[in-house]
Amino acid sequence: MLTRRSLPLIAAIPLAAPGIARAAFPDRTMTMIVPYAPGGSADVLARVLAPEMAKVLGHSVVVELRPGAGGHIGGAYVAVTARADGYTLLLGSVSAATGPALQNLNYDPVNGLTPLGGIGTVPNMMVVSPQSPFHSVQDVIAAARARPGEITYGSSGPGTGSHLAGELLGAMTDTRLLHVPYRGSGAVYPDLISQRLSFLLDAMGSASGQVMGGSVRAIGVSSPERSPVFPAVPTIAEQGVPDYAFSLWLGFFTRAGTPPDAFARLEEANRIAVATPAVQERLRQASAIAIPTDAAGFSAFFRAEVARWAELVRSGRVRRLEG
């Protein structure tokens, strides 16, 4: 029989049960999806970020590469296939913002993903073979105007930062450059060094080692100001292409619909991880510029990028990608 003394205990059970049933986030290993080829800037940075985020979250963060389609294979996996539970992160980049305007995608980066927090934005470096006749960006532009369609540039694949940086350069100089896609920037260098390609606009994080090792020669950087790591290399804007600026930004996304408590923990983990000495040193080596690490700031940054590229396509300054 129920007694007056037992009623308060019974009434308390429904209130306590949800807290007992649901474990605090996270309670198991997490996965960080990197949608680019091994050895590139995103992969290198992910290997430094993952253990720092794990310290905050209390569980391992495993880096998983899902390269292809300019970052969209990994992006689609997180936006469509992965569960919206916070246990799968996307280390996204500029293709998430350019894709809606430039390509027909099988997922929606804007509405299928939620910006979690930025990491940094890395400028591109224009590099040529040490034996190349091009010693400046003006040399490349002059050759492209004299021989339309013959000056080639490599990229990590259609829609990647190295491709879009070249597209933007051709559009802003009214020249016809020939794009040659590869599977990752590492695959471009042998042909670039042997002069089977004219130039490459690679992320500074991966190009810097090649430049310092003497494998290639740097002739320009895509940031508005010169890099403190390579102060002798002039910007592309300085060399007859006013207002030219392109950067390969990196930031985290979750699948839309991620629970607020999990999202908040991940946002905190990113903010703390980016501020650690190990990550800051890696960003410094890549000449990265800070961008908002909080979700609200990074979301505004991301949507401004989406709008910028949509306008570039609408105005005809950048062409939509074929296929």
Protein backbone atom coordinates (compact mmCIF):
# COMPACT_ATOMS: atom_id res chain seq x y z
CA MET A 1 0.00 0.00 0.00
CA LEU A 2 1.11 3.54 -0.70
CA THR A 3 1.70 5.70 2.33
CA ARG A 4 2.02 9.46 2.70
CA ARG A 5 5.76 8.98 3.32
CA SER A 6 6.31 7.18 -0.04
CA LEU A 7 4.54 9.77 -2.23
CA PRO A 8 7.35 12.38 -2.32
CA LEU A 9 9.84 9.69 -3.40
CA ILE A 10 7.58 8.46 -6.21
CA ALA A 11 6.95 12.02 -7.40
CA ALA A 12 10.68 12.64 -7.65
CA ILE A 13 11.37 9.70 -9.95
CA PRO A 14 10.25 11.34 -13.26
CA LEU A 15 12.43 14.37 -12.52
CA ALA A 16 15.52 12.34 -11.77
CA ALA A 17 15.15 9.75 -14.53
CA PRO A 18 16.10 11.96 -17.53
CA GLY A 19 19.33 13.05 -15.82
CA ILE A 20 20.21 9.44 -15.07
CA ALA A 21 19.41 8.17 -18.56
CA ARG A 22 21.37 10.81 -20.48
CA ALA A 23 25.15 10.82 -20.06
CA ALA A 24 27.10 14.04 -20.23
CA PHE A 25 28.52 14.89 -23.67
CA PRO A 26 30.81 13.45 -24.82
CA ASP A 27 30.94 9.93 -23.43
CA ARG A 28 32.93 8.24 -26.22
CA THR A 29 35.49 8.81 -28.99
CA MET A 30 34.73 11.51 -31.54
CA THR A 31 35.59 11.80 -35.24
CA MET A 32 37.04 14.81 -37.05
CA ILE A 33 36.39 14.58 -40.79
CA VAL A 34 39.08 16.20 -42.95
CA PRO A 35 37.75 16.40 -46.54
CA TYR A 36 41.15 16.94 -48.17
CA ALA A 37 44.14 14.84 -49.20
CA PRO A 38 46.77 13.69 -46.69
CA GLY A 39 49.70 16.01 -46.10
CA GLY A 40 47.87 19.23 -46.96
CA SER A 41 47.32 22.21 -44.68
CA ALA A 42 44.01 20.91 -43.31
CA ASP A 43 45.42 17.47 -42.52
CA VAL A 44 48.54 18.88 -40.85
CA LEU A 45 46.51 21.28 -38.71
CA ALA A 46 43.97 18.59 -37.79
CA ARG A 47 46.75 16.44 -36.29
CA VAL A 48 47.64 19.29 -33.93
CA LEU A 49 44.06 20.31 -33.11
CA ALA A 50 42.67 16.83 -32.39
CA PRO A 51 44.74 16.06 -29.26
CA GLU A 52 44.22 19.58 -27.90
CA MET A 53 40.44 19.29 -28.30
CA ALA A 54 40.56 15.81 -26.73
CA LYS A 55 42.12 17.30 -23.57
CA VAL A 56 39.13 19.61 -23.19
CA LEU A 57 36.48 17.02 -24.07
CA GLY A 58 37.97 14.16 -22.07
CA HIS A 59 37.73 11.69 -24.96
CA SER A 60 39.84 10.95 -28.03
CA VAL A 61 39.25 12.82 -31.27
CA VAL A 62 40.16 10.66 -34.26
CA VAL A 63 41.12 12.32 -37.55
CA GLU A 64 39.48 10.65 -40.56
CA LEU A 65 40.34 11.71 -44.11
CA ARG A 66 37.51 11.71 -46.67
CA PRO A 67 39.05 13.61 -49.62
CA GLY A 68 37.55 14.24 -53.02
CA ALA A 69 35.34 16.61 -55.04
CA GLY A 70 37.09 19.69 -53.67
CA GLY A 71 36.10 18.88 -50.09
CA HIS A 72 32.48 18.04 -50.85
CA ILE A 73 32.68 14.28 -50.26
CA GLY A 74 33.56 14.88 -46.63
CA GLY A 75 31.16 17.80 -46.40
CA ALA A 76 28.25 15.72 -47.70
CA TYR A 77 29.12 12.91 -45.30
CA VAL A 78 28.77 15.18 -42.27
CA ALA A 79 25.73 17.09 -43.58
CA VAL A 80 23.75 14.04 -44.76
CA THR A 81 25.10 10.73 -43.43
CA ALA A 82 26.59 11.38 -40.00
CA ARG A 83 24.27 11.60 -37.02
CA ALA A 84 23.40 15.04 -35.68
CA ASP A 85 24.67 14.11 -32.23
CA GLY A 86 27.91 16.11 -32.11
CA TYR A 87 30.22 13.11 -32.37
CA THR A 88 31.26 13.93 -35.95
CA LEU A 89 32.96 17.24 -36.77
CA LEU A 90 33.84 18.63 -40.19
CA LEU A 91 37.09 20.56 -40.60
CA GLY A 92 35.69 22.63 -43.44
CA SER A 93 37.21 25.24 -45.68
CA VAL A 94 36.45 27.71 -48.44
CA SER A 95 34.72 25.13 -50.67
CA ALA A 96 31.80 24.99 -48.22
CA ALA A 97 31.15 28.66 -49.01
CA THR A 98 31.93 28.60 -52.75
CA GLY A 99 30.16 25.35 -53.59
CA PRO A 100 26.57 26.65 -53.60
CA ALA A 101 27.45 29.30 -56.20
CA LEU A 102 29.96 27.36 -58.27
CA GLN A 103 28.66 23.80 -58.45
CA ASN A 104 25.62 21.52 -58.48
CA LEU A 105 26.01 19.73 -55.15
CA ASN A 106 24.24 16.72 -53.68
CA TYR A 107 23.94 18.45 -50.31
CA ASP A 108 23.39 21.94 -48.91
CA PRO A 109 26.45 23.29 -47.04
CA VAL A 110 24.59 26.38 -45.84
CA ASN A 111 21.55 24.67 -44.32
CA GLY A 112 22.90 21.16 -43.80
CA LEU A 113 25.89 22.29 -41.75
CA THR A 114 26.14 24.62 -38.75
CA PRO A 115 29.30 26.76 -38.34
CA LEU A 116 30.89 25.89 -34.98
CA GLY A 117 34.02 28.02 -34.83
CA GLY A 118 36.85 29.34 -36.96
CA ILE A 119 40.51 28.36 -36.77
CA GLY A 120 42.36 30.71 -39.10
CA THR A 121 42.70 31.85 -42.67
CA VAL A 122 45.85 30.92 -44.60
CA PRO A 123 46.97 32.89 -47.68
CA ASN A 124 48.11 31.21 -50.86
CA MET A 125 51.61 31.48 -52.25
CA MET A 126 52.27 31.65 -55.98
CA VAL A 127 55.20 29.35 -56.71
CA VAL A 128 57.09 28.38 -59.87
CA SER A 129 59.99 26.11 -60.76
CA PRO A 130 63.45 27.45 -59.84
CA GLN A 131 64.23 27.26 -63.59
CA SER A 132 61.05 29.08 -64.61
CA PRO A 133 61.38 32.23 -66.74
CA PHE A 134 58.71 33.84 -64.52
CA HIS A 135 60.16 35.96 -61.73
CA SER A 136 57.05 37.97 -60.90
CA VAL A 137 53.28 37.88 -61.19
CA GLN A 138 53.57 40.49 -63.95
CA ASP A 139 55.68 38.02 -65.93
CA VAL A 140 52.92 35.41 -65.69
CA ILE A 141 50.19 37.87 -66.66
CA ALA A 142 52.18 39.18 -69.62
CA ALA A 143 52.77 35.63 -70.88
CA ALA A 144 49.08 34.75 -70.44
CA ARG A 145 48.05 37.78 -72.50
CA ALA A 146 50.57 36.94 -75.20
CA ARG A 147 49.63 33.24 -75.29
CA PRO A 148 46.00 32.84 -74.14
CA GLY A 149 45.23 29.37 -72.80
CA GLU A 150 48.85 28.22 -72.77
CA ILE A 151 49.89 29.29 -69.27
CA THR A 152 48.97 26.44 -66.94
CA TYR A 153 48.40 26.22 -63.22
CA GLY A 154 47.92 23.14 -61.07
CA SER A 155 45.45 22.62 -58.25
CA SER A 156 44.42 20.11 -55.60
CA GLY A 157 41.27 19.46 -57.63
CA PRO A 158 38.22 21.30 -59.01
CA GLY A 159 36.70 23.64 -56.45
CA THR A 160 39.67 23.58 -54.06
CA GLY A 161 41.40 26.72 -52.85
CA SER A 162 44.32 26.40 -55.28
CA HIS A 163 41.85 26.17 -58.17
CA LEU A 164 39.67 29.06 -57.06
CA ALA A 165 42.70 31.28 -56.42
CA GLY A 166 43.73 30.70 -60.05
CA GLU A 167 40.19 31.31 -61.32
CA LEU A 168 40.07 34.59 -59.45
CA LEU A 169 43.47 35.65 -60.80
CA GLY A 170 42.40 34.95 -64.37
CA ALA A 171 39.12 36.82 -63.88
CA MET A 172 40.74 39.88 -62.31
CA THR A 173 43.46 40.12 -64.99
CA ASP A 174 41.18 39.27 -67.92
CA THR A 175 43.48 36.41 -68.95
CA ARG A 176 42.74 32.84 -69.98
CA LEU A 177 44.72 30.47 -67.78
CA LEU A 178 44.61 26.70 -68.22
CA HIS A 179 43.61 24.80 -65.08
CA VAL A 180 45.16 21.34 -64.52
CA PRO A 181 43.61 19.50 -61.54
CA TYR A 182 45.45 16.91 -59.42
CA ARG A 183 44.58 14.77 -56.41
CA GLY A 184 46.07 16.97 -53.71
CA SER A 185 48.70 19.68 -53.88
CA GLY A 186 51.52 17.23 -53.17
CA ALA A 187 50.92 15.61 -56.54
CA VAL A 188 51.33 18.96 -58.32
CA TYR A 189 54.92 19.65 -57.30
CA PRO A 190 56.79 17.11 -59.47
CA ASP A 191 55.20 18.56 -62.63
CA LEU A 192 55.67 22.11 -61.39
CA ILE A 193 59.35 21.59 -60.59
CA SER A 194 59.97 19.99 -64.00
CA GLN A 195 58.13 22.95 -65.68
CA ARG A 196 55.33 20.83 -67.09
CA LEU A 197 53.16 23.39 -65.26
CA SER A 198 53.62 27.16 -65.22
CA PHE A 199 52.64 27.91 -61.61
CA LEU A 200 50.73 26.83 -58.52
CA LEU A 201 48.79 28.92 -55.99
CA ASP A 202 49.21 26.65 -52.98
CA ALA A 203 48.25 27.27 -49.37
CA MET A 204 51.23 28.83 -47.63
CA GLY A 205 51.19 26.14 -44.99
CA SER A 206 52.15 23.47 -47.52
CA ALA A 207 54.08 25.69 -49.95
CA SER A 208 56.45 27.15 -47.36
CA GLY A 209 58.39 23.92 -46.89
CA GLN A 210 58.93 23.58 -50.64
CA VAL A 211 60.11 27.20 -50.85
CA MET A 212 62.45 26.92 -47.89
CA GLY A 213 63.87 23.69 -49.29
CA GLY A 214 64.61 25.35 -52.62
CA SER A 215 62.33 23.05 -54.63
CA VAL A 216 60.28 25.99 -55.91
CA ARG A 217 60.51 29.78 -56.04
CA ALA A 218 57.88 32.07 -54.52
CA ILE A 219 56.81 35.05 -56.63
CA GLY A 220 53.71 36.31 -54.81
CA VAL A 221 51.32 35.89 -51.88
CA SER A 222 47.55 36.25 -52.00
CA SER A 223 47.07 38.11 -48.70
CA PRO A 224 46.39 41.87 -48.61
CA GLU A 225 49.73 42.39 -46.84
CA ARG A 226 53.09 40.65 -47.07
CA SER A 227 53.66 37.60 -44.91
CA PRO A 228 55.89 38.14 -41.86
CA VAL A 229 57.39 34.71 -42.61
CA PHE A 230 58.31 35.72 -46.20
CA PRO A 231 58.60 39.52 -46.08
CA ALA A 232 60.62 39.68 -49.30
CA VAL A 233 57.82 38.10 -51.35
CA PRO A 234 55.45 40.81 -52.64
CA THR A 235 51.69 40.43 -52.62
CA ILE A 236 49.85 39.72 -55.87
CA ALA A 237 47.94 42.97 -55.32
CA GLU A 238 51.25 44.87 -55.31
CA GLN A 239 52.13 43.40 -58.68
CA GLY A 240 49.48 44.95 -60.89
CA VAL A 241 46.35 43.17 -59.60
CA PRO A 242 44.78 45.70 -57.19
CA ASP A 243 42.40 44.27 -54.57
CA TYR A 244 43.38 40.68 -55.32
CA ALA A 245 43.00 38.69 -52.10
CA PHE A 246 42.36 35.02 -51.50
CA SER A 247 42.79 32.89 -48.40
CA LEU A 248 42.17 29.27 -47.49
CA TRP A 249 40.22 29.60 -44.25
CA LEU A 250 39.57 26.66 -41.98
CA GLY A 251 36.84 26.15 -39.41
CA PHE A 252 34.67 23.52 -37.77
CA PHE A 253 31.09 22.60 -38.67
CA THR A 254 28.61 20.14 -37.22
CA ARG A 255 25.57 18.63 -38.85
CA ALA A 256 22.57 20.94 -38.54
CA GLY A 257 20.38 19.91 -35.61
CA THR A 258 23.21 19.03 -33.23
CA PRO A 259 21.90 19.25 -29.63
CA PRO A 260 22.67 22.61 -28.00
CA ASP A 261 24.57 21.10 -25.05
CA ALA A 262 26.87 19.12 -27.35
CA PHE A 263 27.32 22.13 -29.64
CA ALA A 264 28.30 24.35 -26.72
CA ARG A 265 30.91 21.85 -25.51
CA LEU A 266 32.41 21.58 -28.99
CA GLU A 267 32.48 25.35 -29.39
CA GLU A 268 34.35 25.63 -26.09
CA ALA A 269 36.79 22.88 -27.10
CA ASN A 270 37.62 24.61 -30.37
CA ARG A 271 38.11 27.99 -28.69
CA ILE A 272 40.48 26.56 -26.09
CA ALA A 273 42.36 24.34 -28.56
CA VAL A 274 43.02 27.17 -31.03
CA ALA A 275 44.50 29.28 -28.24
CA THR A 276 47.03 26.63 -27.14
CA PRO A 277 50.74 27.22 -27.88
CA ALA A 278 50.97 24.12 -30.11
CA VAL A 279 48.15 25.24 -32.41
CA GLN A 280 49.21 28.88 -32.37
CA GLU A 281 52.73 27.89 -33.43
CA ARG A 282 51.37 25.81 -36.32
CA LEU A 283 49.18 28.70 -37.42
CA ARG A 284 52.13 31.08 -37.21
CA GLN A 285 54.22 28.79 -39.40
CA ALA A 286 51.43 28.87 -41.99
CA SER A 287 51.17 32.70 -41.80
CA ALA A 288 47.56 32.27 -40.72
CA ILE A 289 45.39 35.24 -39.81
CA ALA A 290 42.91 34.92 -36.94
CA ILE A 291 39.17 34.59 -37.60
CA PRO A 292 36.34 34.29 -35.04
CA THR A 293 36.56 31.12 -32.94
CA ASP A 294 33.04 31.51 -31.50
CA ALA A 295 30.02 30.11 -33.32
CA ALA A 296 28.23 33.45 -33.79
CA GLY A 297 31.30 35.21 -35.19
CA PHE A 298 32.31 32.33 -37.42
CA SER A 299 28.75 31.95 -38.73
CA ALA A 300 28.76 35.62 -39.78
CA PHE A 301 32.18 35.14 -41.41
CA PHE A 302 30.97 32.04 -43.27
CA ARG A 303 27.79 33.63 -44.57
CA ALA A 304 29.72 36.67 -45.77
CA GLU A 305 31.96 34.29 -47.74
CA VAL A 306 28.90 32.58 -49.25
CA ALA A 307 27.50 35.96 -50.31
CA ARG A 308 30.86 37.13 -51.70
CA TRP A 309 31.27 34.14 -54.02
CA ALA A 310 27.64 34.23 -55.09
CA GLU A 311 28.18 37.84 -56.19
CA LEU A 312 31.42 36.97 -58.01
CA VAL A 313 29.57 34.34 -60.02
CA ARG A 314 26.54 36.58 -60.66
CA SER A 315 28.82 39.37 -61.92
CA GLY A 316 30.67 36.99 -64.25
CA ARG A 317 34.04 37.57 -62.59
CA VAL A 318 34.22 33.88 -61.67
CA ARG A 319 32.73 31.14 -63.81
CA ARG A 320 30.66 28.23 -62.54
CA LEU A 321 32.51 24.93 -62.61
CA GLU A 322 31.60 22.43 -65.29
CA GLY A 323 29.93 19.19 -64.35
